[in-house]
Amino acid sequence: MITLPDPVGQASSGYTDEQLRAIEHTGGHSLTYAVAGSGKTHMLVGRVLFLLEQGVPAERIRVLAFNREAAKEFQTRLAGALPTHRAAPKVSTFHSLGLSLTALFEKHELLPRRRLEASDAVEKKLAREAALAALKEEGSDEYPSQDAFEEFRAFIGLVKSDLLSAADAFRTFGLLPSCAYFVRAFARFEQARERAGLRFFADLLSDPVAVMRANPKALALVTNKLDLVLVDEFQDLSRVQVELLIQLVGTRAHLNAVGDDSQCIYAWRGARPEVMGSEFARHFPGATRYTLSRTFRFGHRVSLAAAQLIGNNRNRMDTLCVSAPSTPDTGIDVIRATSAG
């Protein structure tokens, strides 16, 4: 059995029993609910080592992290655990994967060639012009506030992250009637983006997903090329990211996902914690579910207080966070607000 350098507070064997069950999973998809501080990155590194030891080629494993910092940390920890002669699987973010897919589809003339624009100023300019054009077309001489422009930019991101039409997104997210022009403005924004030959970061996911949905040739270039796909922070995935996973996994690969639906903090930009609930079984049927319930980050008082608070959230799995015996007692101070006199 593989062992790793022990993280602070971890069992002397290198893993807890819960971590070992997730690491040594065989057959089918898996979904691991990992509470805060439960060593999920440590477990994922162990999972990769286990797969390599079982003979899965490194090039047939893909690890997807939520952002560049997380991807870099995982690469560093994996490199420190791997023998020097052993190749490591590719670790990337969803957006870097999307960038690679976009380039692949451009090469095969399945997507038009466009320049990636990283400047917020350019996107803001196009969004502002699109909003003003939409209002003018609707016969309004209103000049929106800065907050309204920012809300429209957020709307653009939600449309692209949730795989909805602009009209459906407007209804789904319950925007105020005064924002009805967002639907027309979104169309104007996309037209301006096409004329300028641009892609923004959101398009690195929405464009390749859209072409794979519409064109079997594009999908065939990507799907069923891997054996295992490992995903961290699954609770922060949007529906376009889940769709990309479905296309990547296909009918051959197995998905090993890890997350905590009590820690979803990116709903404002399209994250959907419900993808760890009933939606997961629909997209990845037959998955085995594991739990990392012991935290090594704080003591029992904080765990109990967190359980009382989080218990009010009904849009999550009923997972209890318990402090590991090795964790020191963590005090809780109550600071009462005072009114200014």
C-alpha atoms as a PDB file:
ATOM      1  CA  MET A   1       0.000   0.000   0.000  1.00  0.00           C
ATOM      2  CA  ILE A   2       1.228   3.510  -0.835  1.00  0.00           C
ATOM      3  CA  THR A   3       2.092   5.854   2.026  1.00  0.00           C
ATOM      4  CA  LEU A   4       2.740   9.578   1.961  1.00  0.00           C
ATOM      5  CA  PRO A   5       4.456  11.987   4.319  1.00  0.00           C
ATOM      6  CA  ASP A   6       1.999  12.566   7.140  1.00  0.00           C
ATOM      7  CA  PRO A   7       0.189  15.916   7.166  1.00  0.00           C
ATOM      8  CA  VAL A   8      -0.179  17.618  10.530  1.00  0.00           C
ATOM      9  CA  GLY A   9      -2.695  15.747  12.672  1.00  0.00           C
ATOM     10  CA  GLN A  10      -3.041  12.823  10.259  1.00  0.00           C
ATOM     11  CA  ALA A  11      -2.931   9.224  11.348  1.00  0.00           C
ATOM     12  CA  SER A  12       0.527   7.644  11.493  1.00  0.00           C
ATOM     13  CA  SER A  13      -0.386   5.342   8.582  1.00  0.00           C
ATOM     14  CA  GLY A  14      -0.647   8.391   6.319  1.00  0.00           C
ATOM     15  CA  TYR A  15      -4.408   8.138   5.790  1.00  0.00           C
ATOM     16  CA  THR A  16      -7.578   7.843   7.803  1.00  0.00           C
ATOM     17  CA  ASP A  17      -9.888   4.896   7.196  1.00  0.00           C
ATOM     18  CA  GLU A  18     -12.285   7.250   5.378  1.00  0.00           C
ATOM     19  CA  GLN A  19      -9.541   8.524   3.103  1.00  0.00           C
ATOM     20  CA  LEU A  20      -8.393   4.990   2.312  1.00  0.00           C
ATOM     21  CA  ARG A  21     -11.865   3.948   1.225  1.00  0.00           C
ATOM     22  CA  ALA A  22     -11.990   6.818  -1.274  1.00  0.00           C
ATOM     23  CA  ILE A  23      -8.404   6.241  -2.406  1.00  0.00           C
ATOM     24  CA  GLU A  24      -8.854   2.518  -3.047  1.00  0.00           C
ATOM     25  CA  HIS A  25     -12.193   2.862  -4.842  1.00  0.00           C
ATOM     26  CA  THR A  26     -12.461   0.495  -7.803  1.00  0.00           C
ATOM     27  CA  GLY A  27     -15.006   0.472 -10.595  1.00  0.00           C
ATOM     28  CA  GLY A  28     -17.406   3.181 -11.634  1.00  0.00           C
ATOM     29  CA  HIS A  29     -17.736   6.811 -10.684  1.00  0.00           C
ATOM     30  CA  SER A  30     -17.255   8.104  -7.146  1.00  0.00           C
ATOM     31  CA  LEU A  31     -18.268  11.222  -5.236  1.00  0.00           C
ATOM     32  CA  THR A  32     -16.573  12.113  -1.957  1.00  0.00           C
ATOM     33  CA  TYR A  33     -18.095  14.614   0.477  1.00  0.00           C
ATOM     34  CA  ALA A  34     -15.148  16.187   2.287  1.00  0.00           C
ATOM     35  CA  VAL A  35     -15.708  18.567   5.195  1.00  0.00           C
ATOM     36  CA  ALA A  36     -13.411  21.546   5.711  1.00  0.00           C
ATOM     37  CA  GLY A  37      -9.920  20.523   6.808  1.00  0.00           C
ATOM     38  CA  SER A  38     -10.467  16.795   6.195  1.00  0.00           C
ATOM     39  CA  GLY A  39      -7.393  16.323   3.995  1.00  0.00           C
ATOM     40  CA  LYS A  40      -9.077  16.070   0.620  1.00  0.00           C
ATOM     41  CA  THR A  41      -5.979  17.170  -1.331  1.00  0.00           C
ATOM     42  CA  HIS A  42      -3.936  14.602   0.594  1.00  0.00           C
ATOM     43  CA  MET A  43      -6.539  11.996  -0.344  1.00  0.00           C
ATOM     44  CA  LEU A  44      -6.581  13.017  -4.020  1.00  0.00           C
ATOM     45  CA  VAL A  45      -2.792  12.733  -4.241  1.00  0.00           C
ATOM     46  CA  GLY A  46      -3.097   9.280  -2.709  1.00  0.00           C
ATOM     47  CA  ARG A  47      -5.807   8.423  -5.216  1.00  0.00           C
ATOM     48  CA  VAL A  48      -3.516   9.302  -8.129  1.00  0.00           C
ATOM     49  CA  LEU A  49      -0.676   7.232  -6.655  1.00  0.00           C
ATOM     50  CA  PHE A  50      -3.042   4.300  -6.154  1.00  0.00           C
ATOM     51  CA  LEU A  51      -4.225   4.479  -9.776  1.00  0.00           C
ATOM     52  CA  LEU A  52      -0.662   4.606 -11.077  1.00  0.00           C
ATOM     53  CA  GLU A  53       0.288   1.638  -8.911  1.00  0.00           C
ATOM     54  CA  GLN A  54      -2.690  -0.256 -10.330  1.00  0.00           C
ATOM     55  CA  GLY A  55      -1.230   0.212 -13.797  1.00  0.00           C
ATOM     56  CA  VAL A  56      -3.338   3.072 -15.140  1.00  0.00           C
ATOM     57  CA  PRO A  57      -1.069   5.068 -17.499  1.00  0.00           C
ATOM     58  CA  ALA A  58      -0.432   8.642 -16.377  1.00  0.00           C
ATOM     59  CA  GLU A  59      -1.534   9.997 -19.770  1.00  0.00           C
ATOM     60  CA  ARG A  60      -4.963   8.420 -19.291  1.00  0.00           C
ATOM     61  CA  ILE A  61      -5.584  10.279 -16.013  1.00  0.00           C
ATOM     62  CA  ARG A  62      -6.600  13.941 -15.896  1.00  0.00           C
ATOM     63  CA  VAL A  63      -6.810  16.032 -12.711  1.00  0.00           C
ATOM     64  CA  LEU A  64      -8.941  19.188 -12.814  1.00  0.00           C
ATOM     65  CA  ALA A  65      -8.562  21.862 -10.141  1.00  0.00           C
ATOM     66  CA  PHE A  66     -10.723  24.914  -9.578  1.00  0.00           C
ATOM     67  CA  ASN A  67      -8.056  27.590 -10.126  1.00  0.00           C
ATOM     68  CA  ARG A  68      -4.386  28.021 -10.973  1.00  0.00           C
ATOM     69  CA  GLU A  69      -3.269  28.191  -7.346  1.00  0.00           C
ATOM     70  CA  ALA A  70      -5.010  24.911  -6.517  1.00  0.00           C
ATOM     71  CA  ALA A  71      -3.599  23.249  -9.641  1.00  0.00           C
ATOM     72  CA  LYS A  72      -0.077  24.401  -8.786  1.00  0.00           C
ATOM     73  CA  GLU A  73      -0.386  23.179  -5.197  1.00  0.00           C
ATOM     74  CA  PHE A  74      -1.607  19.795  -6.362  1.00  0.00           C
ATOM     75  CA  GLN A  75       1.221  19.470  -8.887  1.00  0.00           C
ATOM     76  CA  THR A  76       3.776  20.317  -6.191  1.00  0.00           C
ATOM     77  CA  ARG A  77       2.379  17.824  -3.688  1.00  0.00           C
ATOM     78  CA  LEU A  78       2.068  15.101  -6.311  1.00  0.00           C
ATOM     79  CA  ALA A  79       5.637  15.667  -7.517  1.00  0.00           C
ATOM     80  CA  GLY A  80       6.872  15.374  -3.937  1.00  0.00           C
ATOM     81  CA  ALA A  81       5.097  12.033  -3.484  1.00  0.00           C
ATOM     82  CA  LEU A  82       5.963  10.427  -6.828  1.00  0.00           C
ATOM     83  CA  PRO A  83       9.187   8.487  -7.454  1.00  0.00           C
ATOM     84  CA  THR A  84      11.474  10.508  -9.726  1.00  0.00           C
ATOM     85  CA  HIS A  85      11.118   7.987 -12.564  1.00  0.00           C
ATOM     86  CA  ARG A  86       7.286   7.987 -12.522  1.00  0.00           C
ATOM     87  CA  ALA A  87       5.424  10.260 -14.935  1.00  0.00           C
ATOM     88  CA  ALA A  88       2.647  12.399 -13.454  1.00  0.00           C
ATOM     89  CA  PRO A  89      -0.833  12.885 -14.885  1.00  0.00           C
ATOM     90  CA  LYS A  90      -1.681  16.264 -16.347  1.00  0.00           C
ATOM     91  CA  VAL A  91      -3.150  18.718 -13.850  1.00  0.00           C
ATOM     92  CA  SER A  92      -5.073  21.693 -15.192  1.00  0.00           C
ATOM     93  CA  THR A  93      -7.896  24.091 -14.519  1.00  0.00           C
ATOM     94  CA  PHE A  94     -11.176  23.961 -16.407  1.00  0.00           C
ATOM     95  CA  HIS A  95     -10.290  27.162 -18.244  1.00  0.00           C
ATOM     96  CA  SER A  96      -6.872  25.905 -19.337  1.00  0.00           C
ATOM     97  CA  LEU A  97      -8.568  22.738 -20.577  1.00  0.00           C
ATOM     98  CA  GLY A  98     -11.087  24.917 -22.399  1.00  0.00           C
ATOM     99  CA  LEU A  99      -8.265  26.903 -23.967  1.00  0.00           C
ATOM    100  CA  SER A 100      -6.698  23.679 -25.276  1.00  0.00           C
ATOM    101  CA  LEU A 101     -10.019  22.468 -26.656  1.00  0.00           C
ATOM    102  CA  THR A 102     -10.699  25.812 -28.303  1.00  0.00           C
ATOM    103  CA  ALA A 103      -7.314  25.655 -30.053  1.00  0.00           C
ATOM    104  CA  LEU A 104      -8.019  22.064 -31.121  1.00  0.00           C
ATOM    105  CA  PHE A 105     -11.388  22.967 -32.616  1.00  0.00           C
ATOM    106  CA  GLU A 106      -9.960  26.033 -34.349  1.00  0.00           C
ATOM    107  CA  LYS A 107      -7.263  23.826 -35.886  1.00  0.00           C
ATOM    108  CA  HIS A 108      -9.936  21.487 -37.270  1.00  0.00           C
ATOM    109  CA  GLU A 109     -12.032  24.470 -38.409  1.00  0.00           C
ATOM    110  CA  LEU A 110     -14.862  23.528 -36.071  1.00  0.00           C
ATOM    111  CA  LEU A 111     -14.680  26.886 -34.292  1.00  0.00           C
ATOM    112  CA  PRO A 112     -13.842  30.252 -35.850  1.00  0.00           C
ATOM    113  CA  ARG A 113     -10.415  31.597 -34.955  1.00  0.00           C
ATOM    114  CA  ARG A 114     -10.727  34.387 -32.418  1.00  0.00           C
ATOM    115  CA  ARG A 115      -8.323  36.229 -30.158  1.00  0.00           C
ATOM    116  CA  LEU A 116      -8.499  35.640 -26.406  1.00  0.00           C
ATOM    117  CA  GLU A 117      -9.015  39.023 -24.766  1.00  0.00           C
ATOM    118  CA  ALA A 118      -7.913  39.155 -21.132  1.00  0.00           C
ATOM    119  CA  SER A 119      -8.667  42.828 -20.582  1.00  0.00           C
ATOM    120  CA  ASP A 120     -11.692  43.573 -18.405  1.00  0.00           C
ATOM    121  CA  ALA A 121     -11.774  47.041 -19.959  1.00  0.00           C
ATOM    122  CA  VAL A 122     -12.569  45.639 -23.416  1.00  0.00           C
ATOM    123  CA  GLU A 123     -15.325  43.397 -22.076  1.00  0.00           C
ATOM    124  CA  LYS A 124     -16.786  46.270 -20.041  1.00  0.00           C
ATOM    125  CA  LYS A 125     -16.789  48.518 -23.111  1.00  0.00           C
ATOM    126  CA  LEU A 126     -18.632  45.959 -25.244  1.00  0.00           C
ATOM    127  CA  ALA A 127     -21.110  45.285 -22.435  1.00  0.00           C
ATOM    128  CA  ARG A 128     -21.808  48.982 -21.929  1.00  0.00           C
ATOM    129  CA  GLU A 129     -22.320  49.592 -25.642  1.00  0.00           C
ATOM    130  CA  ALA A 130     -24.595  46.545 -25.913  1.00  0.00           C
ATOM    131  CA  ALA A 131     -26.724  47.661 -22.957  1.00  0.00           C
ATOM    132  CA  LEU A 132     -27.111  51.186 -24.337  1.00  0.00           C
ATOM    133  CA  ALA A 133     -27.970  49.858 -27.807  1.00  0.00           C
ATOM    134  CA  ALA A 134     -30.614  47.536 -26.357  1.00  0.00           C
ATOM    135  CA  LEU A 135     -32.219  50.364 -24.377  1.00  0.00           C
ATOM    136  CA  LYS A 136     -32.252  52.606 -27.438  1.00  0.00           C
ATOM    137  CA  GLU A 137     -33.888  49.880 -29.536  1.00  0.00           C
ATOM    138  CA  GLU A 138     -36.589  49.591 -26.878  1.00  0.00           C
ATOM    139  CA  GLY A 139     -37.228  53.333 -27.087  1.00  0.00           C
ATOM    140  CA  SER A 140     -35.660  54.235 -23.759  1.00  0.00           C
ATOM    141  CA  ASP A 141     -33.378  57.218 -23.199  1.00  0.00           C
ATOM    142  CA  GLU A 142     -32.346  55.878 -19.778  1.00  0.00           C
ATOM    143  CA  TYR A 143     -28.638  55.824 -18.940  1.00  0.00           C
ATOM    144  CA  PRO A 144     -28.056  52.910 -16.546  1.00  0.00           C
ATOM    145  CA  SER A 145     -26.107  53.307 -13.332  1.00  0.00           C
ATOM    146  CA  GLN A 146     -22.690  51.712 -12.862  1.00  0.00           C
ATOM    147  CA  ASP A 147     -24.358  49.048 -10.701  1.00  0.00           C
ATOM    148  CA  ALA A 148     -26.752  48.237 -13.557  1.00  0.00           C
ATOM    149  CA  PHE A 149     -23.850  47.820 -15.980  1.00  0.00           C
ATOM    150  CA  GLU A 150     -22.091  45.479 -13.531  1.00  0.00           C
ATOM    151  CA  GLU A 151     -25.296  43.507 -13.066  1.00  0.00           C
ATOM    152  CA  PHE A 152     -25.531  43.096 -16.836  1.00  0.00           C
ATOM    153  CA  ARG A 153     -21.942  41.839 -16.971  1.00  0.00           C
ATOM    154  CA  ALA A 154     -22.802  39.313 -14.250  1.00  0.00           C
ATOM    155  CA  PHE A 155     -25.829  38.293 -16.312  1.00  0.00           C
ATOM    156  CA  ILE A 156     -23.590  37.592 -19.320  1.00  0.00           C
ATOM    157  CA  GLY A 157     -21.506  35.255 -17.168  1.00  0.00           C
ATOM    158  CA  LEU A 158     -24.569  33.469 -15.796  1.00  0.00           C
ATOM    159  CA  VAL A 159     -25.978  32.860 -19.286  1.00  0.00           C
ATOM    160  CA  LYS A 160     -22.708  31.315 -20.412  1.00  0.00           C
ATOM    161  CA  SER A 161     -22.147  29.284 -17.248  1.00  0.00           C
ATOM    162  CA  ASP A 162     -25.652  27.845 -16.947  1.00  0.00           C
ATOM    163  CA  LEU A 163     -26.253  26.634 -20.525  1.00  0.00           C
ATOM    164  CA  LEU A 164     -29.413  28.709 -20.822  1.00  0.00           C
ATOM    165  CA  SER A 165     -30.692  31.111 -23.440  1.00  0.00           C
ATOM    166  CA  ALA A 166     -30.667  34.739 -22.321  1.00  0.00           C
ATOM    167  CA  ALA A 167     -34.468  34.722 -22.051  1.00  0.00           C
ATOM    168  CA  ASP A 168     -34.489  31.554 -19.945  1.00  0.00           C
ATOM    169  CA  ALA A 169     -31.687  32.873 -17.735  1.00  0.00           C
ATOM    170  CA  PHE A 170     -33.630  36.080 -17.132  1.00  0.00           C
ATOM    171  CA  ARG A 171     -36.614  34.067 -15.901  1.00  0.00           C
ATOM    172  CA  THR A 172     -34.564  31.497 -13.974  1.00  0.00           C
ATOM    173  CA  PHE A 173     -32.543  33.992 -11.971  1.00  0.00           C
ATOM    174  CA  GLY A 174     -35.533  36.154 -11.126  1.00  0.00           C
ATOM    175  CA  LEU A 175     -34.196  39.500 -12.279  1.00  0.00           C
ATOM    176  CA  LEU A 176     -36.283  42.622 -11.839  1.00  0.00           C
ATOM    177  CA  PRO A 177     -38.570  43.702 -14.716  1.00  0.00           C
ATOM    178  CA  SER A 178     -36.423  46.831 -15.085  1.00  0.00           C
ATOM    179  CA  CYS A 179     -33.625  44.546 -16.305  1.00  0.00           C
ATOM    180  CA  ALA A 180     -35.671  43.023 -19.133  1.00  0.00           C
ATOM    181  CA  TYR A 181     -33.447  44.752 -21.694  1.00  0.00           C
ATOM    182  CA  PHE A 182     -30.608  42.404 -20.599  1.00  0.00           C
ATOM    183  CA  VAL A 183     -31.985  39.753 -22.962  1.00  0.00           C
ATOM    184  CA  ARG A 184     -31.689  41.981 -26.015  1.00  0.00           C
ATOM    185  CA  ALA A 185     -28.404  43.407 -24.739  1.00  0.00           C
ATOM    186  CA  PHE A 186     -26.889  39.927 -24.472  1.00  0.00           C
ATOM    187  CA  ALA A 187     -27.590  39.326 -28.167  1.00  0.00           C
ATOM    188  CA  ARG A 188     -25.974  42.660 -29.023  1.00  0.00           C
ATOM    189  CA  PHE A 189     -22.954  41.782 -26.880  1.00  0.00           C
ATOM    190  CA  GLU A 190     -22.442  38.462 -28.670  1.00  0.00           C
ATOM    191  CA  GLN A 191     -22.795  40.138 -32.066  1.00  0.00           C
ATOM    192  CA  ALA A 192     -20.165  42.709 -31.111  1.00  0.00           C
ATOM    193  CA  ARG A 193     -17.856  39.963 -29.819  1.00  0.00           C
ATOM    194  CA  GLU A 194     -18.194  38.121 -33.128  1.00  0.00           C
ATOM    195  CA  ARG A 195     -17.489  41.257 -35.194  1.00  0.00           C
ATOM    196  CA  ALA A 196     -14.398  41.993 -33.094  1.00  0.00           C
ATOM    197  CA  GLY A 197     -13.190  38.389 -33.347  1.00  0.00           C
ATOM    198  CA  LEU A 198     -12.828  38.019 -29.593  1.00  0.00           C
ATOM    199  CA  ARG A 199     -13.171  35.416 -26.904  1.00  0.00           C
ATOM    200  CA  PHE A 200     -13.320  36.212 -23.199  1.00  0.00           C
ATOM    201  CA  PHE A 201     -12.537  33.746 -20.406  1.00  0.00           C
ATOM    202  CA  ALA A 202     -16.161  32.584 -20.075  1.00  0.00           C
ATOM    203  CA  ASP A 203     -16.114  31.659 -23.779  1.00  0.00           C
ATOM    204  CA  LEU A 204     -13.253  29.207 -23.212  1.00  0.00           C
ATOM    205  CA  LEU A 205     -15.848  26.907 -21.671  1.00  0.00           C
ATOM    206  CA  SER A 206     -19.089  27.861 -23.381  1.00  0.00           C
ATOM    207  CA  ASP A 207     -17.722  27.840 -26.954  1.00  0.00           C
ATOM    208  CA  PRO A 208     -16.144  24.330 -26.930  1.00  0.00           C
ATOM    209  CA  VAL A 209     -19.096  22.880 -25.004  1.00  0.00           C
ATOM    210  CA  ALA A 210     -21.527  24.367 -27.529  1.00  0.00           C
ATOM    211  CA  VAL A 211     -19.649  23.006 -30.531  1.00  0.00           C
ATOM    212  CA  MET A 212     -19.353  19.518 -28.986  1.00  0.00           C
ATOM    213  CA  ARG A 213     -23.095  19.540 -28.325  1.00  0.00           C
ATOM    214  CA  ALA A 214     -23.830  20.500 -31.918  1.00  0.00           C
ATOM    215  CA  ASN A 215     -21.134  18.680 -33.883  1.00  0.00           C
ATOM    216  CA  PRO A 216     -20.368  14.946 -33.436  1.00  0.00           C
ATOM    217  CA  LYS A 217     -16.989  15.473 -35.125  1.00  0.00           C
ATOM    218  CA  ALA A 218     -15.928  17.865 -32.390  1.00  0.00           C
ATOM    219  CA  LEU A 219     -17.122  15.524 -29.644  1.00  0.00           C
ATOM    220  CA  ALA A 220     -15.260  12.581 -31.192  1.00  0.00           C
ATOM    221  CA  LEU A 221     -11.984  14.503 -30.884  1.00  0.00           C
ATOM    222  CA  VAL A 222     -12.376  14.732 -27.104  1.00  0.00           C
ATOM    223  CA  THR A 223     -14.586  12.052 -25.595  1.00  0.00           C
ATOM    224  CA  ASN A 224     -13.444   8.575 -24.483  1.00  0.00           C
ATOM    225  CA  LYS A 225      -9.748   9.459 -24.560  1.00  0.00           C
ATOM    226  CA  LEU A 226      -9.186   8.994 -20.786  1.00  0.00           C
ATOM    227  CA  ASP A 227      -9.699   6.313 -18.144  1.00  0.00           C
ATOM    228  CA  LEU A 228     -10.000   8.488 -15.014  1.00  0.00           C
ATOM    229  CA  VAL A 229     -10.940  12.121 -14.426  1.00  0.00           C
ATOM    230  CA  LEU A 230     -10.396  13.527 -10.915  1.00  0.00           C
ATOM    231  CA  VAL A 231     -12.084  16.795  -9.944  1.00  0.00           C
ATOM    232  CA  ASP A 232     -11.531  18.858  -6.810  1.00  0.00           C
ATOM    233  CA  GLU A 233     -13.963  21.458  -5.348  1.00  0.00           C
ATOM    234  CA  PHE A 234     -16.849  19.912  -7.236  1.00  0.00           C
ATOM    235  CA  GLN A 235     -19.385  22.068  -5.370  1.00  0.00           C
ATOM    236  CA  ASP A 236     -18.097  25.159  -7.169  1.00  0.00           C
ATOM    237  CA  LEU A 237     -18.724  23.811 -10.672  1.00  0.00           C
ATOM    238  CA  SER A 238     -21.197  25.515 -12.962  1.00  0.00           C
ATOM    239  CA  ARG A 239     -23.427  23.611 -15.338  1.00  0.00           C
ATOM    240  CA  VAL A 240     -21.196  24.367 -18.324  1.00  0.00           C
ATOM    241  CA  GLN A 241     -18.267  22.802 -16.436  1.00  0.00           C
ATOM    242  CA  VAL A 242     -20.365  19.741 -15.594  1.00  0.00           C
ATOM    243  CA  GLU A 243     -21.350  19.444 -19.260  1.00  0.00           C
ATOM    244  CA  LEU A 244     -17.670  19.630 -20.233  1.00  0.00           C
ATOM    245  CA  LEU A 245     -16.989  16.789 -17.786  1.00  0.00           C
ATOM    246  CA  ILE A 246     -19.802  14.699 -19.274  1.00  0.00           C
ATOM    247  CA  GLN A 247     -18.296  15.173 -22.729  1.00  0.00           C
ATOM    248  CA  LEU A 248     -14.764  14.436 -21.504  1.00  0.00           C
ATOM    249  CA  VAL A 249     -15.738  11.315 -19.536  1.00  0.00           C
ATOM    250  CA  GLY A 250     -17.960   9.892 -22.272  1.00  0.00           C
ATOM    251  CA  THR A 251     -18.749   6.200 -21.936  1.00  0.00           C
ATOM    252  CA  ARG A 252     -15.222   5.070 -21.110  1.00  0.00           C
ATOM    253  CA  ALA A 253     -13.759   7.145 -18.283  1.00  0.00           C
ATOM    254  CA  HIS A 254     -14.754   7.142 -14.616  1.00  0.00           C
ATOM    255  CA  LEU A 255     -15.167  10.369 -12.663  1.00  0.00           C
ATOM    256  CA  ASN A 256     -13.780  10.725  -9.128  1.00  0.00           C
ATOM    257  CA  ALA A 257     -15.181  13.975  -7.722  1.00  0.00           C
ATOM    258  CA  VAL A 258     -14.493  15.572  -4.343  1.00  0.00           C
ATOM    259  CA  GLY A 259     -16.241  18.541  -2.775  1.00  0.00           C
ATOM    260  CA  ASP A 260     -18.232  20.019   0.075  1.00  0.00           C
ATOM    261  CA  ASP A 261     -21.666  21.360  -0.784  1.00  0.00           C
ATOM    262  CA  SER A 262     -21.579  23.418   2.426  1.00  0.00           C
ATOM    263  CA  GLN A 263     -18.690  25.476   1.038  1.00  0.00           C
ATOM    264  CA  CYS A 264     -20.146  26.685  -2.259  1.00  0.00           C
ATOM    265  CA  ILE A 265     -19.235  30.376  -2.440  1.00  0.00           C
ATOM    266  CA  TYR A 266     -19.453  31.014  -6.197  1.00  0.00           C
ATOM    267  CA  ALA A 267     -23.199  30.778  -6.850  1.00  0.00           C
ATOM    268  CA  TRP A 268     -23.077  34.423  -7.952  1.00  0.00           C
ATOM    269  CA  ARG A 269     -21.079  33.357 -11.005  1.00  0.00           C
ATOM    270  CA  GLY A 270     -22.905  30.148 -11.822  1.00  0.00           C
ATOM    271  CA  ALA A 271     -21.766  27.508  -9.316  1.00  0.00           C
ATOM    272  CA  ARG A 272     -24.486  24.992  -8.540  1.00  0.00           C
ATOM    273  CA  PRO A 273     -24.032  22.949  -5.320  1.00  0.00           C
ATOM    274  CA  GLU A 274     -26.988  20.790  -6.366  1.00  0.00           C
ATOM    275  CA  VAL A 275     -24.667  19.119  -8.892  1.00  0.00           C
ATOM    276  CA  MET A 276     -23.472  17.095  -5.882  1.00  0.00           C
ATOM    277  CA  GLY A 277     -27.044  15.953  -5.185  1.00  0.00           C
ATOM    278  CA  SER A 278     -29.587  14.369  -7.487  1.00  0.00           C
ATOM    279  CA  GLU A 279     -27.984  15.869 -10.586  1.00  0.00           C
ATOM    280  CA  PHE A 280     -24.788  13.892 -10.006  1.00  0.00           C
ATOM    281  CA  ALA A 281     -26.642  10.570 -10.146  1.00  0.00           C
ATOM    282  CA  ARG A 282     -28.342  11.660 -13.350  1.00  0.00           C
ATOM    283  CA  HIS A 283     -25.136  12.644 -15.107  1.00  0.00           C
ATOM    284  CA  PHE A 284     -22.829   9.980 -13.609  1.00  0.00           C
ATOM    285  CA  PRO A 285     -25.036   7.004 -12.704  1.00  0.00           C
ATOM    286  CA  GLY A 286     -24.025   4.277 -10.285  1.00  0.00           C
ATOM    287  CA  ALA A 287     -21.487   6.409  -8.413  1.00  0.00           C
ATOM    288  CA  THR A 288     -20.193   5.211  -5.035  1.00  0.00           C
ATOM    289  CA  ARG A 289     -20.398   7.908  -2.362  1.00  0.00           C
ATOM    290  CA  TYR A 290     -17.745   8.405   0.294  1.00  0.00           C
ATOM    291  CA  THR A 291     -17.440  10.836   3.189  1.00  0.00           C
ATOM    292  CA  LEU A 292     -14.435  12.513   4.817  1.00  0.00           C
ATOM    293  CA  SER A 293     -16.115  13.622   8.033  1.00  0.00           C
ATOM    294  CA  ARG A 294     -13.127  14.259  10.310  1.00  0.00           C
ATOM    295  CA  THR A 295     -11.511  17.676  10.261  1.00  0.00           C
ATOM    296  CA  PHE A 296      -7.914  18.320  11.315  1.00  0.00           C
ATOM    297  CA  ARG A 297      -8.328  22.096  11.230  1.00  0.00           C
ATOM    298  CA  PHE A 298     -10.249  22.984  14.408  1.00  0.00           C
ATOM    299  CA  GLY A 299     -11.570  21.553  17.666  1.00  0.00           C
ATOM    300  CA  HIS A 300     -14.904  20.143  18.768  1.00  0.00           C
ATOM    301  CA  ARG A 301     -16.498  23.436  19.800  1.00  0.00           C
ATOM    302  CA  VAL A 302     -16.125  24.890  16.310  1.00  0.00           C
ATOM    303  CA  SER A 303     -17.354  21.649  14.717  1.00  0.00           C
ATOM    304  CA  LEU A 304     -20.494  21.687  16.868  1.00  0.00           C
ATOM    305  CA  ALA A 305     -21.130  25.382  16.234  1.00  0.00           C
ATOM    306  CA  ALA A 306     -20.648  24.879  12.481  1.00  0.00           C
ATOM    307  CA  ALA A 307     -23.016  21.897  12.488  1.00  0.00           C
ATOM    308  CA  GLN A 308     -25.719  23.966  14.187  1.00  0.00           C
ATOM    309  CA  LEU A 309     -25.382  26.743  11.629  1.00  0.00           C
ATOM    310  CA  ILE A 310     -24.983  24.628   8.500  1.00  0.00           C
ATOM    311  CA  GLY A 311     -27.911  22.449   9.540  1.00  0.00           C
ATOM    312  CA  ASN A 312     -30.191  25.311   8.464  1.00  0.00           C
ATOM    313  CA  ASN A 313     -29.110  24.760   4.864  1.00  0.00           C
ATOM    314  CA  ARG A 314     -31.463  22.155   3.408  1.00  0.00           C
ATOM    315  CA  ASN A 315     -29.897  22.293  -0.058  1.00  0.00           C
ATOM    316  CA  ARG A 316     -27.063  19.954   0.893  1.00  0.00           C
ATOM    317  CA  MET A 317     -26.286  16.393   1.905  1.00  0.00           C
ATOM    318  CA  ASP A 318     -26.610  15.658   5.616  1.00  0.00           C
ATOM    319  CA  THR A 319     -22.878  15.368   6.361  1.00  0.00           C
ATOM    320  CA  LEU A 320     -21.641  15.873   9.921  1.00  0.00           C
ATOM    321  CA  CYS A 321     -18.237  17.449  10.554  1.00  0.00           C
ATOM    322  CA  VAL A 322     -16.393  15.897  13.526  1.00  0.00           C
ATOM    323  CA  SER A 323     -13.028  17.068  14.855  1.00  0.00           C
ATOM    324  CA  ALA A 324     -10.339  14.406  14.855  1.00  0.00           C
ATOM    325  CA  PRO A 325      -9.107  13.371  18.334  1.00  0.00           C
ATOM    326  CA  SER A 326      -5.721  14.955  17.653  1.00  0.00           C
ATOM    327  CA  THR A 327      -7.112  18.445  17.099  1.00  0.00           C
ATOM    328  CA  PRO A 328      -6.551  20.926  19.933  1.00  0.00           C
ATOM    329  CA  ASP A 329      -9.479  22.560  21.662  1.00  0.00           C
ATOM    330  CA  THR A 330     -10.573  25.660  19.764  1.00  0.00           C
ATOM    331  CA  GLY A 331     -12.203  28.439  21.721  1.00  0.00           C
ATOM    332  CA  ILE A 332     -15.132  30.542  20.538  1.00  0.00           C
ATOM    333  CA  ASP A 333     -15.436  34.194  21.501  1.00  0.00           C
ATOM    334  CA  VAL A 334     -18.724  36.029  21.174  1.00  0.00           C
ATOM    335  CA  ILE A 335     -18.373  39.701  20.256  1.00  0.00           C
ATOM    336  CA  ARG A 336     -21.611  41.588  20.684  1.00  0.00           C
ATOM    337  CA  ALA A 337     -22.282  44.592  18.477  1.00  0.00           C
ATOM    338  CA  THR A 338     -22.780  47.914  20.217  1.00  0.00           C
ATOM    339  CA  SER A 339     -24.765  50.781  18.846  1.00  0.00           C
ATOM    340  CA  ALA A 340     -22.905  54.001  18.195  1.00  0.00           C
ATOM    341  CA  GLY A 341     -23.952  56.671  20.691  1.00  0.00           C
END
